Amino acid sequence: MNTSSTYTYNQIAQAIDHLVTSYRNQPTLPELAEAANLSAFHFQRLFTEWAGVSPKKFGQYLTLEHAKAQLRRGLALTDVAERVGLSGTGRLHDLFVSIEGVTPGQVKQAGAGLVLQYGLFNSPFGQYVLGSINGKIALLHFLSDTDPIPETLLRTAWPAATIQHNPVAVKPLADRIFPTPSQLGTSPDQPVSVLVRGTAFQLKVWEALLRIPEGQLVSYDQLANAIGQPTASRAVGTAIGSNPIGYLIPCHRVIKKTGLFGQYRWGADRKQAMLGWEAARAGI
């Protein structure tokens, strides 16, 4: 992808924000186009290409009623792994994701002796920095105007690692995460591995997130129940907020039990865009 995709996302995000805040008033196509600073014709085409559905249909996926209906379904996360065929992993489009945690000793070493290569890439949800250690994804962070430089983000996540800007080495991973239409189905049928530093509890929560199917929503309470700690919903929320691998470890699929989407490490507007985009792709 090129820089135009980030520009597209920014315009889409403005329209989605207007759509969500004004949904009950049924904003018109010209109104949404104006929010995106586009003509109605161009906006309709751009939005449909991005989302796969019309703005009106997309808005239905982001209503409180739709979210509550999803939560009432009471998704049994413990059964999902069996349904997708891999114990302990989740299905993301046609991509399997597996989590590998560093050892307690490596947690203390904070990446000492490891080489962390990174690059900046564009996605349907804006620009992000992707870091890789030994071919495993070690960081996926969506960027905003207020973020520090990528090297600072990487150094915070892996303080003692050697940081190398090497987008050519990392690009094959980026192409698997957000493939272009011509790249779909061309990747080898093997898991995408992520390497994370975290406590045993955090790893347990992040692994549970992988069991939430695309387009589905669960509450913090439901996730706490799924990991066998029903009174730990607040701690679950803290673990979700510290997830270092955006999108692939899908913390954006967890919402409040009231049906409100709540906050997101990479911005509430981006969470709305992800949830609507995934629901449209899943045909829910």
Protein backbone atom coordinates (compact mmCIF):
# COMPACT_ATOMS: atom_id res chain seq x y z
CA MET A 1 0.00 0.00 0.00
CA ASN A 2 1.06 3.61 -0.45
CA THR A 3 0.50 6.84 1.42
CA SER A 4 -2.84 7.40 -0.31
CA SER A 5 -4.36 4.61 1.79
CA THR A 6 -3.65 6.58 4.97
CA TYR A 7 -5.26 9.63 3.41
CA THR A 8 -8.26 7.47 2.52
CA TYR A 9 -8.52 6.14 6.07
CA ASN A 10 -8.43 9.64 7.56
CA GLN A 11 -11.33 10.69 5.34
CA ILE A 12 -13.25 7.50 6.13
CA ALA A 13 -12.68 7.97 9.87
CA GLN A 14 -14.14 11.49 9.75
CA ALA A 15 -17.25 10.17 8.01
CA ILE A 16 -17.60 7.25 10.45
CA ASP A 17 -17.39 9.60 13.41
CA HIS A 18 -20.19 11.71 11.92
CA LEU A 19 -22.16 8.57 11.12
CA VAL A 20 -21.92 7.27 14.69
CA THR A 21 -22.70 10.54 16.44
CA SER A 22 -25.61 11.36 14.10
CA TYR A 23 -26.92 7.88 13.32
CA ARG A 24 -30.34 8.35 14.90
CA ASN A 25 -30.85 11.39 12.69
CA GLN A 26 -30.04 9.27 9.62
CA PRO A 27 -27.30 11.47 8.09
CA THR A 28 -27.59 11.75 4.33
CA LEU A 29 -24.94 10.76 1.83
CA PRO A 30 -24.11 14.43 1.08
CA GLU A 31 -23.68 15.09 4.81
CA LEU A 32 -21.29 12.16 5.22
CA ALA A 33 -19.42 13.21 2.09
CA GLU A 34 -19.04 16.71 3.48
CA ALA A 35 -17.59 15.29 6.70
CA ALA A 36 -15.00 13.50 4.56
CA ASN A 37 -14.39 16.61 2.41
CA LEU A 38 -15.42 14.75 -0.74
CA SER A 39 -18.13 14.93 -3.34
CA ALA A 40 -21.08 12.62 -2.72
CA PHE A 41 -20.23 10.54 -5.77
CA HIS A 42 -16.56 10.15 -4.86
CA PHE A 43 -17.35 9.43 -1.22
CA GLN A 44 -19.90 6.71 -2.03
CA ARG A 45 -17.41 4.95 -4.30
CA LEU A 46 -14.48 5.37 -1.90
CA PHE A 47 -16.43 4.20 1.16
CA THR A 48 -17.90 1.17 -0.59
CA GLU A 49 -14.48 0.14 -1.90
CA TRP A 50 -13.04 0.47 1.62
CA ALA A 51 -15.87 -1.16 3.61
CA GLY A 52 -17.50 -3.45 1.06
CA VAL A 53 -20.93 -2.11 2.06
CA SER A 54 -22.80 1.18 1.85
CA PRO A 55 -22.36 3.82 4.57
CA LYS A 56 -25.92 3.16 5.75
CA LYS A 57 -25.28 -0.58 6.18
CA PHE A 58 -21.95 0.12 7.85
CA GLY A 59 -23.65 2.40 10.35
CA GLN A 60 -25.99 -0.41 11.40
CA TYR A 61 -22.98 -2.42 12.59
CA LEU A 62 -21.96 0.40 14.92
CA THR A 63 -25.26 0.93 16.72
CA LEU A 64 -25.78 0.22 20.41
CA GLU A 65 -28.57 -2.20 19.51
CA HIS A 66 -26.30 -4.27 17.28
CA ALA A 67 -23.57 -4.37 19.93
CA LYS A 68 -26.00 -5.49 22.63
CA ALA A 69 -27.36 -8.22 20.36
CA GLN A 70 -23.81 -9.48 19.83
CA LEU A 71 -23.18 -9.63 23.57
CA ARG A 72 -26.46 -11.44 24.23
CA ARG A 73 -25.30 -14.22 21.94
CA GLY A 74 -22.86 -15.11 24.73
CA LEU A 75 -20.02 -16.34 22.54
CA ALA A 76 -18.37 -19.35 24.19
CA LEU A 77 -14.71 -18.52 23.61
CA THR A 78 -13.57 -21.86 24.96
CA ASP A 79 -15.30 -23.58 22.03
CA VAL A 80 -14.03 -21.30 19.28
CA ALA A 81 -10.55 -22.77 19.07
CA GLU A 82 -12.00 -26.18 18.29
CA ARG A 83 -14.33 -24.75 15.66
CA VAL A 84 -11.48 -23.10 13.77
CA GLY A 85 -9.34 -26.22 13.99
CA LEU A 86 -6.35 -25.02 15.99
CA SER A 87 -6.29 -25.30 19.76
CA GLY A 88 -5.33 -22.06 21.41
CA THR A 89 -5.32 -19.96 18.25
CA GLY A 90 -7.80 -17.86 16.36
CA ARG A 91 -8.79 -17.38 12.75
CA LEU A 92 -8.33 -13.95 11.24
CA HIS A 93 -9.56 -13.88 7.65
CA ASP A 94 -7.37 -16.64 6.18
CA LEU A 95 -4.58 -15.95 8.63
CA PHE A 96 -3.70 -18.02 11.69
CA VAL A 97 -1.96 -16.15 14.49
CA SER A 98 0.06 -17.84 17.20
CA ILE A 99 1.46 -16.16 20.30
CA GLU A 100 4.88 -16.90 21.70
CA GLY A 101 5.89 -15.33 25.00
CA VAL A 102 9.50 -14.76 25.93
CA THR A 103 10.82 -16.57 29.01
CA PRO A 104 10.80 -14.84 32.42
CA GLY A 105 14.52 -14.37 32.07
CA GLN A 106 14.10 -12.76 28.67
CA VAL A 107 11.44 -10.46 30.09
CA LYS A 108 14.05 -9.08 32.48
CA GLN A 109 16.63 -8.87 29.71
CA ALA A 110 14.14 -6.72 27.73
CA GLY A 111 15.40 -7.92 24.37
CA ALA A 112 19.13 -7.87 25.07
CA GLY A 113 20.99 -9.64 22.27
CA LEU A 114 18.00 -9.50 19.90
CA VAL A 115 17.74 -7.50 16.67
CA LEU A 116 14.42 -5.70 16.15
CA GLN A 117 13.84 -4.71 12.54
CA TYR A 118 11.03 -2.34 11.65
CA GLY A 119 9.29 -0.40 8.92
CA LEU A 120 6.35 1.96 8.45
CA PHE A 121 3.40 0.73 6.41
CA ASN A 122 -0.14 1.70 5.52
CA SER A 123 -3.33 -0.21 6.20
CA PRO A 124 -7.10 0.24 5.89
CA PHE A 125 -6.84 1.80 9.37
CA GLY A 126 -4.00 4.20 8.77
CA GLN A 127 -0.24 4.12 9.06
CA TYR A 128 1.45 1.75 11.50
CA VAL A 129 4.91 0.72 12.61
CA LEU A 130 5.68 -2.98 12.38
CA GLY A 131 8.58 -4.50 14.30
CA SER A 132 9.95 -8.02 13.84
CA ILE A 133 12.40 -10.19 15.76
CA ASN A 134 13.66 -13.34 14.01
CA GLY A 135 10.71 -13.25 11.60
CA LYS A 136 8.15 -12.91 14.42
CA ILE A 137 6.01 -9.82 14.88
CA ALA A 138 7.15 -8.03 18.03
CA LEU A 139 5.14 -4.82 17.70
CA LEU A 140 2.27 -3.48 15.62
CA HIS A 141 1.43 0.07 16.61
CA PHE A 142 -0.97 2.32 14.72
CA LEU A 143 0.40 5.84 14.49
CA SER A 144 -1.24 9.14 15.31
CA ASP A 145 0.00 12.71 15.03
CA THR A 146 0.87 12.77 18.72
CA ASP A 147 2.94 9.57 18.79
CA PRO A 148 6.70 9.71 19.42
CA ILE A 149 9.04 8.66 16.65
CA PRO A 150 8.92 4.92 15.81
CA GLU A 151 12.31 4.23 17.37
CA THR A 152 11.00 5.51 20.70
CA LEU A 153 7.93 3.25 20.49
CA LEU A 154 10.12 0.25 19.74
CA ARG A 155 12.60 1.13 22.47
CA THR A 156 9.78 1.34 25.00
CA ALA A 157 8.54 -2.13 24.04
CA TRP A 158 11.99 -3.74 23.76
CA PRO A 159 14.41 -1.49 25.71
CA ALA A 160 17.58 -3.53 25.28
CA ALA A 161 17.13 -4.78 21.70
CA THR A 162 19.18 -3.53 18.77
CA ILE A 163 16.84 -1.41 16.61
CA GLN A 164 17.25 -1.49 12.83
CA HIS A 165 15.15 0.39 10.27
CA ASN A 166 14.74 -2.29 7.59
CA PRO A 167 11.34 -2.06 5.86
CA VAL A 168 12.40 -4.44 3.09
CA ALA A 169 12.96 -7.25 5.61
CA VAL A 170 9.65 -6.60 7.38
CA LYS A 171 7.46 -5.99 4.31
CA PRO A 172 6.60 -9.69 3.69
CA LEU A 173 4.95 -9.74 7.13
CA ALA A 174 3.09 -6.51 6.40
CA ASP A 175 1.84 -8.00 3.13
CA ARG A 176 0.39 -10.95 5.02
CA ILE A 177 -1.36 -8.82 7.63
CA PHE A 178 -2.98 -6.37 5.21
CA PRO A 179 -2.71 -7.91 1.73
CA THR A 180 -3.78 -6.06 -1.38
CA PRO A 181 -6.49 -7.78 -3.49
CA SER A 182 -3.81 -9.19 -5.80
CA GLN A 183 -1.94 -10.69 -2.82
CA LEU A 184 -4.92 -12.53 -1.31
CA GLY A 185 -4.37 -16.28 -1.25
CA THR A 186 -0.71 -16.00 -2.23
CA SER A 187 0.80 -16.31 1.28
CA PRO A 188 2.05 -19.67 2.55
CA ASP A 189 -0.44 -21.56 4.71
CA GLN A 190 1.40 -21.21 7.99
CA PRO A 191 0.77 -19.23 11.18
CA VAL A 192 1.91 -15.68 11.62
CA SER A 193 3.85 -15.73 14.88
CA VAL A 194 3.95 -12.88 17.34
CA LEU A 195 6.57 -12.54 20.07
CA VAL A 196 5.48 -10.66 23.19
CA ARG A 197 6.85 -9.67 26.57
CA GLY A 198 4.21 -10.03 29.24
CA THR A 199 3.15 -11.66 32.47
CA ALA A 200 1.49 -15.08 32.52
CA PHE A 201 -1.86 -13.36 33.09
CA GLN A 202 -1.38 -11.00 30.15
CA LEU A 203 -0.47 -13.89 27.87
CA LYS A 204 -3.59 -15.73 28.96
CA VAL A 205 -5.76 -12.73 28.10
CA TRP A 206 -4.05 -12.11 24.76
CA GLU A 207 -4.43 -15.76 23.79
CA ALA A 208 -8.14 -15.59 24.66
CA LEU A 209 -8.51 -12.58 22.37
CA LEU A 210 -7.40 -14.72 19.44
CA ARG A 211 -10.48 -16.89 19.93
CA ILE A 212 -12.91 -14.07 19.17
CA PRO A 213 -13.98 -14.54 15.54
CA GLU A 214 -13.85 -11.66 13.11
CA GLY A 215 -16.97 -9.54 13.31
CA GLN A 216 -17.90 -10.79 16.80
CA LEU A 217 -17.91 -8.85 20.06
CA VAL A 218 -17.47 -9.87 23.70
CA SER A 219 -17.51 -7.92 26.95
CA TYR A 220 -14.70 -7.64 29.48
CA ASP A 221 -16.78 -9.79 31.84
CA GLN A 222 -17.26 -12.48 29.21
CA LEU A 223 -13.54 -12.53 28.51
CA ALA A 224 -12.77 -12.83 32.23
CA ASN A 225 -15.15 -15.79 32.42
CA ALA A 226 -13.49 -17.36 29.39
CA ILE A 227 -10.09 -17.44 31.10
CA GLY A 228 -11.59 -18.86 34.29
CA GLN A 229 -11.27 -15.68 36.37
CA PRO A 230 -14.76 -14.14 36.44
CA THR A 231 -13.88 -11.53 39.07
CA ALA A 232 -10.89 -10.22 37.13
CA SER A 233 -12.63 -8.08 34.51
CA ARG A 234 -10.73 -4.96 35.60
CA ALA A 235 -7.40 -6.77 35.34
CA VAL A 236 -8.50 -8.13 31.96
CA GLY A 237 -9.12 -4.55 30.84
CA THR A 238 -5.64 -3.54 31.96
CA ALA A 239 -4.07 -6.45 30.06
CA ILE A 240 -6.05 -5.54 26.94
CA GLY A 241 -4.88 -1.95 27.21
CA SER A 242 -1.25 -3.08 27.23
CA ASN A 243 -1.54 -5.30 24.15
CA PRO A 244 1.50 -4.47 21.97
CA ILE A 245 0.22 -6.12 18.77
CA GLY A 246 -2.65 -4.09 17.35
CA TYR A 247 -5.27 -5.76 15.14
CA LEU A 248 -3.61 -9.20 15.04
CA ILE A 249 -4.28 -9.67 18.76
CA PRO A 250 -7.80 -8.29 18.41
CA CYS A 251 -8.39 -6.31 21.58
CA HIS A 252 -10.67 -4.06 19.52
CA ARG A 253 -13.35 -6.83 19.68
CA VAL A 254 -13.87 -6.34 23.42
CA ILE A 255 -16.47 -3.78 24.48
CA LYS A 256 -18.35 -2.76 27.63
CA LYS A 257 -21.21 -4.96 28.82
CA THR A 258 -23.55 -2.01 28.22
CA GLY A 259 -22.85 -2.28 24.49
CA LEU A 260 -20.75 0.89 24.38
CA PHE A 261 -17.51 0.37 22.49
CA GLY A 262 -15.34 2.15 25.03
CA GLN A 263 -11.80 3.36 24.57
CA TYR A 264 -9.02 1.83 22.52
CA ARG A 265 -5.27 2.12 22.76
CA TRP A 266 -5.09 3.36 19.17
CA GLY A 267 -8.14 5.63 19.29
CA ALA A 268 -11.88 5.12 19.60
CA ASP A 269 -12.41 6.18 15.99
CA ARG A 270 -10.05 3.47 14.79
CA LYS A 271 -11.86 0.89 16.92
CA GLN A 272 -15.17 1.87 15.30
CA ALA A 273 -13.62 1.58 11.86
CA MET A 274 -12.20 -1.87 12.62
CA LEU A 275 -15.41 -3.25 14.10
CA GLY A 276 -17.60 -2.03 11.25
CA TRP A 277 -15.10 -3.15 8.61
CA GLU A 278 -14.84 -6.63 10.11
CA ALA A 279 -18.60 -7.00 10.56
CA ALA A 280 -19.08 -6.07 6.90
CA ARG A 281 -16.47 -8.62 5.79
CA ALA A 282 -18.03 -11.30 7.97
CA GLY A 283 -21.48 -10.49 6.60
CA ILE A 284 -23.02 -10.28 10.08
